[in-house]
PDB file of N, CA and C in Angstrom:
ATOM      1  N   MET A   1      36.635  52.893  78.282  1.00  0.00           N
ATOM      2  CA  MET A   1      36.466  52.822  79.971  1.00  0.00           C
ATOM      3  C   MET A   1      34.994  52.118  80.004  1.00  0.00           C
ATOM      4  N   GLU A   2      35.435  50.823  80.390  1.00  0.00           N
ATOM      5  CA  GLU A   2      34.061  50.609  81.106  1.00  0.00           C
ATOM      6  C   GLU A   2      33.573  50.746  82.464  1.00  0.00           C
ATOM      7  N   ILE A   3      32.149  50.462  82.513  1.00  0.00           N
ATOM      8  CA  ILE A   3      31.805  50.780  83.621  1.00  0.00           C
ATOM      9  C   ILE A   3      30.666  49.900  84.484  1.00  0.00           C
ATOM     10  N   ASN A   4      30.815  48.791  85.393  1.00  0.00           N
ATOM     11  CA  ASN A   4      29.500  48.407  85.494  1.00  0.00           C
ATOM     12  C   ASN A   4      28.875  49.309  86.778  1.00  0.00           C
ATOM     13  N   TYR A   5      27.379  49.562  86.298  1.00  0.00           N
ATOM     14  CA  TYR A   5      26.441  50.429  87.031  1.00  0.00           C
ATOM     15  C   TYR A   5      25.351  49.804  87.421  1.00  0.00           C
ATOM     16  N   VAL A   6      25.151  50.036  88.258  1.00  0.00           N
ATOM     17  CA  VAL A   6      23.725  49.716  89.613  1.00  0.00           C
ATOM     18  C   VAL A   6      22.829  50.378  89.277  1.00  0.00           C
ATOM     19  N   PRO A   7      22.020  50.900  88.378  1.00  0.00           N
ATOM     20  CA  PRO A   7      20.464  51.884  88.411  1.00  0.00           C
ATOM     21  C   PRO A   7      20.223  51.996  89.752  1.00  0.00           C
ATOM     22  N   THR A   8      19.605  52.905  90.048  1.00  0.00           N
ATOM     23  CA  THR A   8      18.809  53.564  91.431  1.00  0.00           C
ATOM     24  C   THR A   8      17.529  51.942  90.996  1.00  0.00           C
ATOM     25  N   ALA A   9      16.993  51.834  90.507  1.00  0.00           N
ATOM     26  CA  ALA A   9      15.939  50.905  90.520  1.00  0.00           C
ATOM     27  C   ALA A   9      16.227  49.500  90.864  1.00  0.00           C
ATOM     28  N   CYS A  10      17.523  49.631  91.106  1.00  0.00           N
ATOM     29  CA  CYS A  10      18.304  48.128  91.443  1.00  0.00           C
ATOM     30  C   CYS A  10      18.730  48.269  93.022  1.00  0.00           C
ATOM     31  N   ARG A  11      18.713  49.138  93.804  1.00  0.00           N
ATOM     32  CA  ARG A  11      19.024  49.374  94.573  1.00  0.00           C
ATOM     33  C   ARG A  11      18.514  49.505  96.115  1.00  0.00           C
ATOM     34  N   GLY A  12      18.914  49.110  97.003  1.00  0.00           N
ATOM     35  CA  GLY A  12      18.302  49.246  98.194  1.00  0.00           C
ATOM     36  C   GLY A  12      17.243  48.372  98.801  1.00  0.00           C
ATOM     37  N   LYS A  13      16.296  48.305  99.464  1.00  0.00           N
ATOM     38  CA  LYS A  13      15.553  47.313 100.252  1.00  0.00           C
ATOM     39  C   LYS A  13      13.776  47.399  99.209  1.00  0.00           C
ATOM     40  N   LYS A  14      13.584  48.367  98.583  1.00  0.00           N
ATOM     41  CA  LYS A  14      12.406  48.895  97.602  1.00  0.00           C
ATOM     42  C   LYS A  14      12.747  49.007  96.468  1.00  0.00           C
ATOM     43  N   ALA A  15      14.243  47.977  95.865  1.00  0.00           N
ATOM     44  CA  ALA A  15      14.583  47.853  94.427  1.00  0.00           C
ATOM     45  C   ALA A  15      13.363  46.967  93.871  1.00  0.00           C
ATOM     46  N   ILE A  16      13.050  47.701  92.816  1.00  0.00           N
ATOM     47  CA  ILE A  16      12.144  46.609  91.813  1.00  0.00           C
ATOM     48  C   ILE A  16      12.565  45.724  90.882  1.00  0.00           C
ATOM     49  N   PHE A  17      14.148  46.254  90.609  1.00  0.00           N
ATOM     50  CA  PHE A  17      14.854  45.228  89.763  1.00  0.00           C
ATOM     51  C   PHE A  17      16.079  44.929  90.741  1.00  0.00           C
ATOM     52  N   GLU A  18      16.836  43.863  89.839  1.00  0.00           N
ATOM     53  CA  GLU A  18      18.148  43.555  90.265  1.00  0.00           C
ATOM     54  C   GLU A  18      19.410  43.477  89.173  1.00  0.00           C
ATOM     55  N   GLY A  19      20.402  43.380  89.234  1.00  0.00           N
ATOM     56  CA  GLY A  19      21.683  43.272  88.436  1.00  0.00           C
ATOM     57  C   GLY A  19      21.736  44.644  88.259  1.00  0.00           C
ATOM     58  N   SER A  20      22.474  44.817  86.806  1.00  0.00           N
ATOM     59  CA  SER A  20      23.626  46.007  86.615  1.00  0.00           C
ATOM     60  C   SER A  20      23.541  46.001  85.363  1.00  0.00           C
ATOM     61  N   VAL A  21      24.220  47.039  84.656  1.00  0.00           N
ATOM     62  CA  VAL A  21      24.693  47.214  83.304  1.00  0.00           C
ATOM     63  C   VAL A  21      25.936  47.444  83.173  1.00  0.00           C
ATOM     64  N   THR A  22      26.805  47.286  82.213  1.00  0.00           N
ATOM     65  CA  THR A  22      28.093  47.414  81.749  1.00  0.00           C
ATOM     66  C   THR A  22      27.898  48.488  80.394  1.00  0.00           C
ATOM     67  N   ILE A  23      28.585  49.296  80.978  1.00  0.00           N
ATOM     68  CA  ILE A  23      28.331  50.992  79.829  1.00  0.00           C
ATOM     69  C   ILE A  23      29.880  51.474  79.623  1.00  0.00           C
ATOM     70  N   LYS A  24      30.133  51.657  78.304  1.00  0.00           N
ATOM     71  CA  LYS A  24      31.251  52.621  78.066  1.00  0.00           C
ATOM     72  C   LYS A  24      31.514  53.454  78.178  1.00  0.00           C
ATOM     73  N   ALA A  25      31.734  54.229  78.981  1.00  0.00           N
ATOM     74  CA  ALA A  25      31.960  55.793  79.587  1.00  0.00           C
ATOM     75  C   ALA A  25      32.097  56.828  78.315  1.00  0.00           C
ATOM     76  N   PRO A  26      31.276  57.451  78.222  1.00  0.00           N
ATOM     77  CA  PRO A  26      31.317  58.437  77.481  1.00  0.00           C
ATOM     78  C   PRO A  26      32.823  59.277  77.541  1.00  0.00           C
ATOM     79  N   SER A  27      33.323  59.591  76.716  1.00  0.00           N
ATOM     80  CA  SER A  27      34.304  60.458  76.758  1.00  0.00           C
ATOM     81  C   SER A  27      34.084  62.257  76.809  1.00  0.00           C
ATOM     82  N   PHE A  28      34.927  63.181  77.468  1.00  0.00           N
ATOM     83  CA  PHE A  28      34.358  64.535  77.453  1.00  0.00           C
ATOM     84  C   PHE A  28      34.125  64.948  75.911  1.00  0.00           C
ATOM     85  N   ASP A  29      34.508  64.717  74.907  1.00  0.00           N
ATOM     86  CA  ASP A  29      34.210  65.047  73.539  1.00  0.00           C
ATOM     87  C   ASP A  29      32.566  64.451  73.423  1.00  0.00           C
ATOM     88  N   GLU A  30      32.408  63.100  73.372  1.00  0.00           N
ATOM     89  CA  GLU A  30      31.059  62.937  73.536  1.00  0.00           C
ATOM     90  C   GLU A  30      30.124  62.951  74.341  1.00  0.00           C
ATOM     91  N   ARG A  31      30.816  63.061  75.748  1.00  0.00           N
ATOM     92  CA  ARG A  31      30.058  63.740  76.838  1.00  0.00           C
ATOM     93  C   ARG A  31      29.451  65.289  76.291  1.00  0.00           C
ATOM     94  N   TYR A  32      30.187  66.360  75.587  1.00  0.00           N
ATOM     95  CA  TYR A  32      29.432  67.685  75.364  1.00  0.00           C
ATOM     96  C   TYR A  32      28.997  67.700  74.719  1.00  0.00           C
ATOM     97  N   GLY A  33      29.435  66.471  73.224  1.00  0.00           N
ATOM     98  CA  GLY A  33      28.319  66.221  72.132  1.00  0.00           C
ATOM     99  C   GLY A  33      26.616  66.271  72.130  1.00  0.00           C
ATOM    100  N   TYR A  34      26.617  65.299  73.484  1.00  0.00           N
ATOM    101  CA  TYR A  34      25.199  64.998  73.649  1.00  0.00           C
ATOM    102  C   TYR A  34      24.701  66.008  74.515  1.00  0.00           C
ATOM    103  N   ILE A  35      25.388  66.773  75.190  1.00  0.00           N
ATOM    104  CA  ILE A  35      24.929  67.791  75.568  1.00  0.00           C
ATOM    105  C   ILE A  35      24.144  68.822  74.731  1.00  0.00           C
ATOM    106  N   ASP A  36      25.006  68.997  73.565  1.00  0.00           N
ATOM    107  CA  ASP A  36      24.941  69.934  72.141  1.00  0.00           C
ATOM    108  C   ASP A  36      23.477  69.367  71.729  1.00  0.00           C
ATOM    109  N   GLU A  37      23.559  68.241  71.409  1.00  0.00           N
ATOM    110  CA  GLU A  37      22.345  67.743  70.446  1.00  0.00           C
ATOM    111  C   GLU A  37      21.247  67.772  71.585  1.00  0.00           C
ATOM    112  N   SER A  38      21.439  67.484  72.844  1.00  0.00           N
ATOM    113  CA  SER A  38      19.960  67.245  73.317  1.00  0.00           C
ATOM    114  C   SER A  38      19.500  68.786  73.825  1.00  0.00           C
ATOM    115  N   GLY A  39      19.794  69.949  73.245  1.00  0.00           N
ATOM    116  CA  GLY A  39      19.144  71.031  73.438  1.00  0.00           C
ATOM    117  C   GLY A  39      18.547  71.457  74.742  1.00  0.00           C
ATOM    118  N   PHE A  40      18.742  70.562  75.621  1.00  0.00           N
ATOM    119  CA  PHE A  40      18.592  70.896  77.101  1.00  0.00           C
ATOM    120  C   PHE A  40      19.278  72.421  77.562  1.00  0.00           C
ATOM    121  N   LYS A  41      18.560  72.846  78.285  1.00  0.00           N
ATOM    122  CA  LYS A  41      19.102  74.609  78.674  1.00  0.00           C
ATOM    123  C   LYS A  41      19.740  73.961  79.626  1.00  0.00           C
ATOM    124  N   PHE A  42      20.351  75.009  80.428  1.00  0.00           N
ATOM    125  CA  PHE A  42      21.353  75.056  81.973  1.00  0.00           C
ATOM    126  C   PHE A  42      20.907  76.554  82.446  1.00  0.00           C
ATOM    127  N   ASN A  43      20.609  76.338  83.593  1.00  0.00           N
ATOM    128  CA  ASN A  43      20.567  77.480  84.252  1.00  0.00           C
ATOM    129  C   ASN A  43      21.966  78.584  85.090  1.00  0.00           C
ATOM    130  N   GLU A  44      22.527  79.320  85.516  1.00  0.00           N
ATOM    131  CA  GLU A  44      23.283  79.652  86.375  1.00  0.00           C
ATOM    132  C   GLU A  44      23.756  78.438  86.717  1.00  0.00           C
ATOM    133  N   ASP A  45      22.910  77.884  87.713  1.00  0.00           N
ATOM    134  CA  ASP A  45      23.007  76.770  88.633  1.00  0.00           C
ATOM    135  C   ASP A  45      23.402  75.802  88.285  1.00  0.00           C
ATOM    136  N   GLY A  46      23.607  75.389  87.108  1.00  0.00           N
ATOM    137  CA  GLY A  46      23.739  74.397  86.488  1.00  0.00           C
ATOM    138  C   GLY A  46      22.337  73.291  86.403  1.00  0.00           C
ATOM    139  N   GLU A  47      21.532  73.582  86.670  1.00  0.00           N
ATOM    140  CA  GLU A  47      19.677  73.018  86.413  1.00  0.00           C
ATOM    141  C   GLU A  47      19.282  72.990  85.577  1.00  0.00           C
ATOM    142  N   MET A  48      18.852  71.852  84.945  1.00  0.00           N
ATOM    143  CA  MET A  48      18.129  71.807  83.297  1.00  0.00           C
ATOM    144  C   MET A  48      16.967  72.244  83.578  1.00  0.00           C
ATOM    145  N   SER A  49      16.688  73.106  82.569  1.00  0.00           N
ATOM    146  CA  SER A  49      15.183  73.732  82.266  1.00  0.00           C
ATOM    147  C   SER A  49      14.726  73.100  80.784  1.00  0.00           C
ATOM    148  N   GLY A  50      13.564  73.117  80.725  1.00  0.00           N
ATOM    149  CA  GLY A  50      13.271  73.263  79.136  1.00  0.00           C
ATOM    150  C   GLY A  50      12.011  72.883  78.976  1.00  0.00           C
ATOM    151  N   GLY A  51      11.205  72.514  79.366  1.00  0.00           N
ATOM    152  CA  GLY A  51       9.520  71.961  79.816  1.00  0.00           C
ATOM    153  C   GLY A  51       9.572  71.280  78.823  1.00  0.00           C
ATOM    154  N   MET A  52       8.588  70.680  78.072  1.00  0.00           N
ATOM    155  CA  MET A  52       8.285  69.838  76.892  1.00  0.00           C
ATOM    156  C   MET A  52       9.323  69.716  76.138  1.00  0.00           C
ATOM    157  N   ASP A  53      10.078  70.622  75.488  1.00  0.00           N
ATOM    158  CA  ASP A  53      11.378  69.787  74.647  1.00  0.00           C
ATOM    159  C   ASP A  53      12.173  69.164  75.565  1.00  0.00           C
ATOM    160  N   GLN A  54      12.390  69.124  77.240  1.00  0.00           N
ATOM    161  CA  GLN A  54      13.054  67.682  77.738  1.00  0.00           C
ATOM    162  C   GLN A  54      12.474  66.315  76.934  1.00  0.00           C
ATOM    163  N   ILE A  55      11.308  66.335  77.046  1.00  0.00           N
ATOM    164  CA  ILE A  55      10.761  64.973  76.176  1.00  0.00           C
ATOM    165  C   ILE A  55      11.694  64.467  75.133  1.00  0.00           C
ATOM    166  N   LYS A  56      11.664  65.560  73.839  1.00  0.00           N
ATOM    167  CA  LYS A  56      12.322  65.197  72.732  1.00  0.00           C
ATOM    168  C   LYS A  56      13.782  64.714  73.479  1.00  0.00           C
ATOM    169  N   ALA A  57      14.164  66.079  74.121  1.00  0.00           N
ATOM    170  CA  ALA A  57      15.640  65.534  74.802  1.00  0.00           C
ATOM    171  C   ALA A  57      15.854  64.359  74.788  1.00  0.00           C
ATOM    172  N   ILE A  58      15.305  63.982  75.627  1.00  0.00           N
ATOM    173  CA  ILE A  58      15.453  62.430  76.405  1.00  0.00           C
ATOM    174  C   ILE A  58      15.603  61.415  75.455  1.00  0.00           C
ATOM    175  N   ARG A  59      14.187  61.254  74.610  1.00  0.00           N
ATOM    176  CA  ARG A  59      14.082  60.135  73.779  1.00  0.00           C
ATOM    177  C   ARG A  59      15.552  60.064  73.066  1.00  0.00           C
ATOM    178  N   ASN A  60      15.813  61.145  72.207  1.00  0.00           N
ATOM    179  CA  ASN A  60      16.944  61.477  71.625  1.00  0.00           C
ATOM    180  C   ASN A  60      18.465  61.064  72.244  1.00  0.00           C
ATOM    181  N   LEU A  61      18.459  61.532  73.713  1.00  0.00           N
ATOM    182  CA  LEU A  61      19.345  60.754  74.438  1.00  0.00           C
ATOM    183  C   LEU A  61      19.629  59.425  74.698  1.00  0.00           C
ATOM    184  N   VAL A  62      18.876  58.931  74.820  1.00  0.00           N
ATOM    185  CA  VAL A  62      18.272  57.514  74.871  1.00  0.00           C
ATOM    186  C   VAL A  62      18.609  56.866  73.826  1.00  0.00           C
ATOM    187  N   LYS A  63      18.407  57.309  73.244  1.00  0.00           N
ATOM    188  CA  LYS A  63      18.527  56.479  71.628  1.00  0.00           C
ATOM    189  C   LYS A  63      19.777  56.469  71.442  1.00  0.00           C
ATOM    190  N   SER A  64      20.735  57.813  71.718  1.00  0.00           N
ATOM    191  CA  SER A  64      22.602  58.065  71.612  1.00  0.00           C
ATOM    192  C   SER A  64      22.838  57.012  72.589  1.00  0.00           C
ATOM    193  N   SER A  65      22.385  56.522  74.152  1.00  0.00           N
ATOM    194  CA  SER A  65      22.801  55.585  74.913  1.00  0.00           C
ATOM    195  C   SER A  65      22.693  54.681  74.314  1.00  0.00           C
ATOM    196  N   GLU A  66      22.354  53.957  73.786  1.00  0.00           N
ATOM    197  CA  GLU A  66      22.480  52.643  73.104  1.00  0.00           C
ATOM    198  C   GLU A  66      24.066  51.994  73.077  1.00  0.00           C
ATOM    199  N   ALA A  67      24.480  53.280  72.206  1.00  0.00           N
ATOM    200  CA  ALA A  67      25.794  52.687  71.705  1.00  0.00           C
ATOM    201  C   ALA A  67      26.881  52.528  72.830  1.00  0.00           C
ATOM    202  N   HIS A  68      26.244  52.754  74.029  1.00  0.00           N
ATOM    203  CA  HIS A  68      27.086  52.642  75.147  1.00  0.00           C
ATOM    204  C   HIS A  68      26.797  51.521  75.727  1.00  0.00           C
ATOM    205  N   TYR A  69      25.688  50.829  75.802  1.00  0.00           N
ATOM    206  CA  TYR A  69      25.805  49.741  76.521  1.00  0.00           C
ATOM    207  C   TYR A  69      26.614  48.508  75.589  1.00  0.00           C
ATOM    208  N   ILE A  70      27.056  47.850  77.007  1.00  0.00           N
ATOM    209  CA  ILE A  70      28.059  46.422  76.714  1.00  0.00           C
ATOM    210  C   ILE A  70      27.530  45.224  76.948  1.00  0.00           C
ATOM    211  N   LYS A  71      27.062  45.317  78.231  1.00  0.00           N
ATOM    212  CA  LYS A  71      25.922  44.336  78.619  1.00  0.00           C
ATOM    213  C   LYS A  71      25.185  44.606  79.847  1.00  0.00           C
ATOM    214  N   ILE A  72      24.250  43.889  79.393  1.00  0.00           N
ATOM    215  CA  ILE A  72      22.967  43.987  80.338  1.00  0.00           C
ATOM    216  C   ILE A  72      22.458  42.976  81.130  1.00  0.00           C
ATOM    217  N   GLU A  73      22.482  43.283  82.681  1.00  0.00           N
ATOM    218  CA  GLU A  73      21.914  41.932  83.185  1.00  0.00           C
ATOM    219  C   GLU A  73      20.660  42.616  84.143  1.00  0.00           C
ATOM    220  N   ILE A  74      19.621  42.928  84.021  1.00  0.00           N
ATOM    221  CA  ILE A  74      18.652  43.013  84.704  1.00  0.00           C
ATOM    222  C   ILE A  74      17.534  42.399  85.358  1.00  0.00           C
ATOM    223  N   LYS A  75      17.365  42.426  86.425  1.00  0.00           N
ATOM    224  CA  LYS A  75      15.697  41.409  86.285  1.00  0.00           C
ATOM    225  C   LYS A  75      14.869  41.868  87.133  1.00  0.00           C
ATOM    226  N   HIS A  76      13.725  41.812  86.791  1.00  0.00           N
ATOM    227  CA  HIS A  76      12.521  42.324  87.649  1.00  0.00           C
ATOM    228  C   HIS A  76      12.086  41.445  88.346  1.00  0.00           C
ATOM    229  N   LYS A  77      12.245  41.790  89.571  1.00  0.00           N
ATOM    230  CA  LYS A  77      12.380  40.985  91.095  1.00  0.00           C
ATOM    231  C   LYS A  77      10.968  40.324  90.947  1.00  0.00           C
ATOM    232  N   GLU A  78       9.539  40.799  90.868  1.00  0.00           N
ATOM    233  CA  GLU A  78       8.235  40.609  91.121  1.00  0.00           C
ATOM    234  C   GLU A  78       7.735  39.483  89.766  1.00  0.00           C
ATOM    235  N   SER A  79       7.951  39.738  88.761  1.00  0.00           N
ATOM    236  CA  SER A  79       7.889  39.302  87.413  1.00  0.00           C
ATOM    237  C   SER A  79       8.774  37.837  87.489  1.00  0.00           C
ATOM    238  N   GLY A  80      10.143  38.001  87.502  1.00  0.00           N
ATOM    239  CA  GLY A  80      11.074  36.656  87.441  1.00  0.00           C
ATOM    240  C   GLY A  80      11.749  37.495  85.496  1.00  0.00           C
ATOM    241  N   LYS A  81      10.884  38.272  85.177  1.00  0.00           N
ATOM    242  CA  LYS A  81      11.399  38.933  83.619  1.00  0.00           C
ATOM    243  C   LYS A  81      12.702  39.267  83.843  1.00  0.00           C
ATOM    244  N   GLU A  82      13.978  38.724  82.859  1.00  0.00           N
ATOM    245  CA  GLU A  82      15.285  39.310  82.295  1.00  0.00           C
ATOM    246  C   GLU A  82      15.389  40.163  81.430  1.00  0.00           C
ATOM    247  N   PHE A  83      16.286  40.725  81.177  1.00  0.00           N
ATOM    248  CA  PHE A  83      16.460  41.904  80.461  1.00  0.00           C
ATOM    249  C   PHE A  83      17.952  41.715  79.981  1.00  0.00           C
ATOM    250  N   LYS A  84      18.090  41.564  78.711  1.00  0.00           N
ATOM    251  CA  LYS A  84      19.657  41.512  78.385  1.00  0.00           C
ATOM    252  C   LYS A  84      20.339  42.329  77.104  1.00  0.00           C
ATOM    253  N   THR A  85      18.642  43.035  76.437  1.00  0.00           N
ATOM    254  CA  THR A  85      19.253  43.582  75.313  1.00  0.00           C
ATOM    255  C   THR A  85      18.569  45.137  75.813  1.00  0.00           C
ATOM    256  N   PHE A  86      19.279  45.932  75.124  1.00  0.00           N
ATOM    257  CA  PHE A  86      18.568  47.444  75.055  1.00  0.00           C
ATOM    258  C   PHE A  86      17.032  47.694  74.624  1.00  0.00           C
ATOM    259  N   GLU A  87      16.862  46.751  73.592  1.00  0.00           N
ATOM    260  CA  GLU A  87      15.803  46.296  72.852  1.00  0.00           C
ATOM    261  C   GLU A  87      14.717  45.927  73.711  1.00  0.00           C
ATOM    262  N   GLU A  88      14.749  45.387  74.135  1.00  0.00           N
ATOM    263  CA  GLU A  88      14.202  44.401  75.604  1.00  0.00           C
ATOM    264  C   GLU A  88      13.600  45.438  76.433  1.00  0.00           C
ATOM    265  N   MET A  89      14.615  46.308  76.843  1.00  0.00           N
ATOM    266  CA  MET A  89      14.363  47.427  78.315  1.00  0.00           C
ATOM    267  C   MET A  89      13.321  48.170  77.719  1.00  0.00           C
ATOM    268  N   GLY A  90      13.578  48.805  75.996  1.00  0.00           N
ATOM    269  CA  GLY A  90      12.954  49.811  75.530  1.00  0.00           C
ATOM    270  C   GLY A  90      11.085  49.071  75.513  1.00  0.00           C
ATOM    271  N   TYR A  91      11.121  48.177  75.421  1.00  0.00           N
ATOM    272  CA  TYR A  91       9.590  47.777  74.827  1.00  0.00           C
ATOM    273  C   TYR A  91       8.981  47.734  76.066  1.00  0.00           C
ATOM    274  N   ASP A  92       9.917  47.625  77.362  1.00  0.00           N
ATOM    275  CA  ASP A  92       9.006  47.281  78.334  1.00  0.00           C
ATOM    276  C   ASP A  92       8.756  48.472  79.255  1.00  0.00           C
ATOM    277  N   ASN A  93       7.918  49.470  79.668  1.00  0.00           N
ATOM    278  CA  ASN A  93       7.931  50.850  80.539  1.00  0.00           C
ATOM    279  C   ASN A  93       7.963  50.401  81.883  1.00  0.00           C
ATOM    280  N   ARG A  94       8.512  49.039  82.165  1.00  0.00           N
ATOM    281  CA  ARG A  94       9.022  49.223  83.879  1.00  0.00           C
ATOM    282  C   ARG A  94      10.593  49.459  84.034  1.00  0.00           C
ATOM    283  N   CYS A  95      11.510  49.290  82.278  1.00  0.00           N
ATOM    284  CA  CYS A  95      12.639  49.873  82.564  1.00  0.00           C
ATOM    285  C   CYS A  95      12.600  51.168  81.731  1.00  0.00           C
ATOM    286  N   ASP A  96      11.837  51.909  81.423  1.00  0.00           N
ATOM    287  CA  ASP A  96      11.830  53.591  81.141  1.00  0.00           C
ATOM    288  C   ASP A  96      12.690  54.075  82.708  1.00  0.00           C
ATOM    289  N   PRO A  97      12.578  54.177  83.770  1.00  0.00           N
ATOM    290  CA  PRO A  97      13.497  54.988  84.485  1.00  0.00           C
ATOM    291  C   PRO A  97      14.917  54.560  84.822  1.00  0.00           C
ATOM    292  N   ILE A  98      15.345  53.239  84.554  1.00  0.00           N
ATOM    293  CA  ILE A  98      16.708  52.816  84.315  1.00  0.00           C
ATOM    294  C   ILE A  98      17.456  53.254  82.938  1.00  0.00           C
ATOM    295  N   LEU A  99      16.312  53.472  81.400  1.00  0.00           N
ATOM    296  CA  LEU A  99      16.804  53.575  80.215  1.00  0.00           C
ATOM    297  C   LEU A  99      17.268  55.098  80.499  1.00  0.00           C
ATOM    298  N   THR A 100      16.457  55.929  81.148  1.00  0.00           N
ATOM    299  CA  THR A 100      16.555  57.447  81.606  1.00  0.00           C
ATOM    300  C   THR A 100      17.816  57.577  82.708  1.00  0.00           C
ATOM    301  N   GLU A 101      17.806  56.942  83.159  1.00  0.00           N
ATOM    302  CA  GLU A 101      18.819  57.120  83.933  1.00  0.00           C
ATOM    303  C   GLU A 101      20.456  57.133  83.748  1.00  0.00           C
ATOM    304  N   VAL A 102      20.685  55.778  82.751  1.00  0.00           N
ATOM    305  CA  VAL A 102      21.922  55.864  82.120  1.00  0.00           C
ATOM    306  C   VAL A 102      22.235  57.090  81.384  1.00  0.00           C
ATOM    307  N   ALA A 103      20.908  57.101  80.496  1.00  0.00           N
ATOM    308  CA  ALA A 103      21.422  58.146  78.829  1.00  0.00           C
ATOM    309  C   ALA A 103      21.586  59.860  79.799  1.00  0.00           C
ATOM    310  N   MET A 104      20.815  60.050  81.521  1.00  0.00           N
ATOM    311  CA  MET A 104      21.239  61.432  81.974  1.00  0.00           C
ATOM    312  C   MET A 104      22.659  61.024  82.323  1.00  0.00           C
ATOM    313  N   ASN A 105      23.184  60.007  82.909  1.00  0.00           N
ATOM    314  CA  ASN A 105      24.318  60.231  83.239  1.00  0.00           C
ATOM    315  C   ASN A 105      25.423  60.297  81.926  1.00  0.00           C
ATOM    316  N   LEU A 106      25.125  59.969  80.847  1.00  0.00           N
ATOM    317  CA  LEU A 106      25.790  60.285  79.660  1.00  0.00           C
ATOM    318  C   LEU A 106      26.361  61.919  79.461  1.00  0.00           C
ATOM    319  N   LEU A 107      25.386  62.715  79.891  1.00  0.00           N
ATOM    320  CA  LEU A 107      25.343  63.756  80.425  1.00  0.00           C
ATOM    321  C   LEU A 107      26.446  64.150  81.105  1.00  0.00           C
ATOM    322  N   ASN A 108      26.059  63.873  82.854  1.00  0.00           N
ATOM    323  CA  ASN A 108      26.751  64.363  83.816  1.00  0.00           C
ATOM    324  C   ASN A 108      27.867  63.516  83.759  1.00  0.00           C
ATOM    325  N   GLY A 109      28.003  62.607  83.898  1.00  0.00           N
ATOM    326  CA  GLY A 109      29.044  61.749  83.493  1.00  0.00           C
ATOM    327  C   GLY A 109      29.168  60.783  83.968  1.00  0.00           C
ATOM    328  N   PHE A 110      29.692  59.643  84.526  1.00  0.00           N
ATOM    329  CA  PHE A 110      29.801  58.656  85.476  1.00  0.00           C
ATOM    330  C   PHE A 110      30.960  59.036  85.990  1.00  0.00           C
ATOM    331  N   THR A 111      30.876  58.995  87.375  1.00  0.00           N
ATOM    332  CA  THR A 111      31.571  58.918  88.341  1.00  0.00           C
ATOM    333  C   THR A 111      32.695  57.715  88.245  1.00  0.00           C
ATOM    334  N   LEU A 112      33.618  57.736  88.251  1.00  0.00           N
ATOM    335  CA  LEU A 112      34.558  56.440  87.972  1.00  0.00           C
ATOM    336  C   LEU A 112      35.107  56.218  89.486  1.00  0.00           C
ATOM    337  N   GLY A 113      35.519  55.004  90.420  1.00  0.00           N
ATOM    338  CA  GLY A 113      36.081  54.670  91.743  1.00  0.00           C
ATOM    339  C   GLY A 113      37.314  54.044  90.810  1.00  0.00           C
ATOM    340  N   ASN A 114      38.008  53.629  91.712  1.00  0.00           N
ATOM    341  CA  ASN A 114      38.987  52.442  92.164  1.00  0.00           C
ATOM    342  C   ASN A 114      38.671  51.080  91.390  1.00  0.00           C
ATOM    343  N   ASP A 115      40.082  50.480  90.829  1.00  0.00           N
ATOM    344  CA  ASP A 115      39.442  49.374  89.911  1.00  0.00           C
ATOM    345  C   ASP A 115      39.563  48.574  91.330  1.00  0.00           C
TER     346      ASP A 115
END
């Protein structure tokens, strides 16, 4: 299932980017596989914990998320720089929040709306 996802960095009056990414939603099995592989720990309230291990887990999760990107149409408003590939976003630290947000949604699952 494909999802057109607008990252937080592209929403609202203070957005520094515009655009969206098209993502292949993870299946149940993929989602739980990412949780297992990430090493994230969850408390009784379902909140993540893990300290410095979180950095390693996020790096691995962002790497895994690359396979879920179908289309990238992100533009940095101030500079006009356009991002069309995962690799381009990976080399520009301004895109870190977008990469992390999409990767974390692989764990949490994307909320699907009506078509």
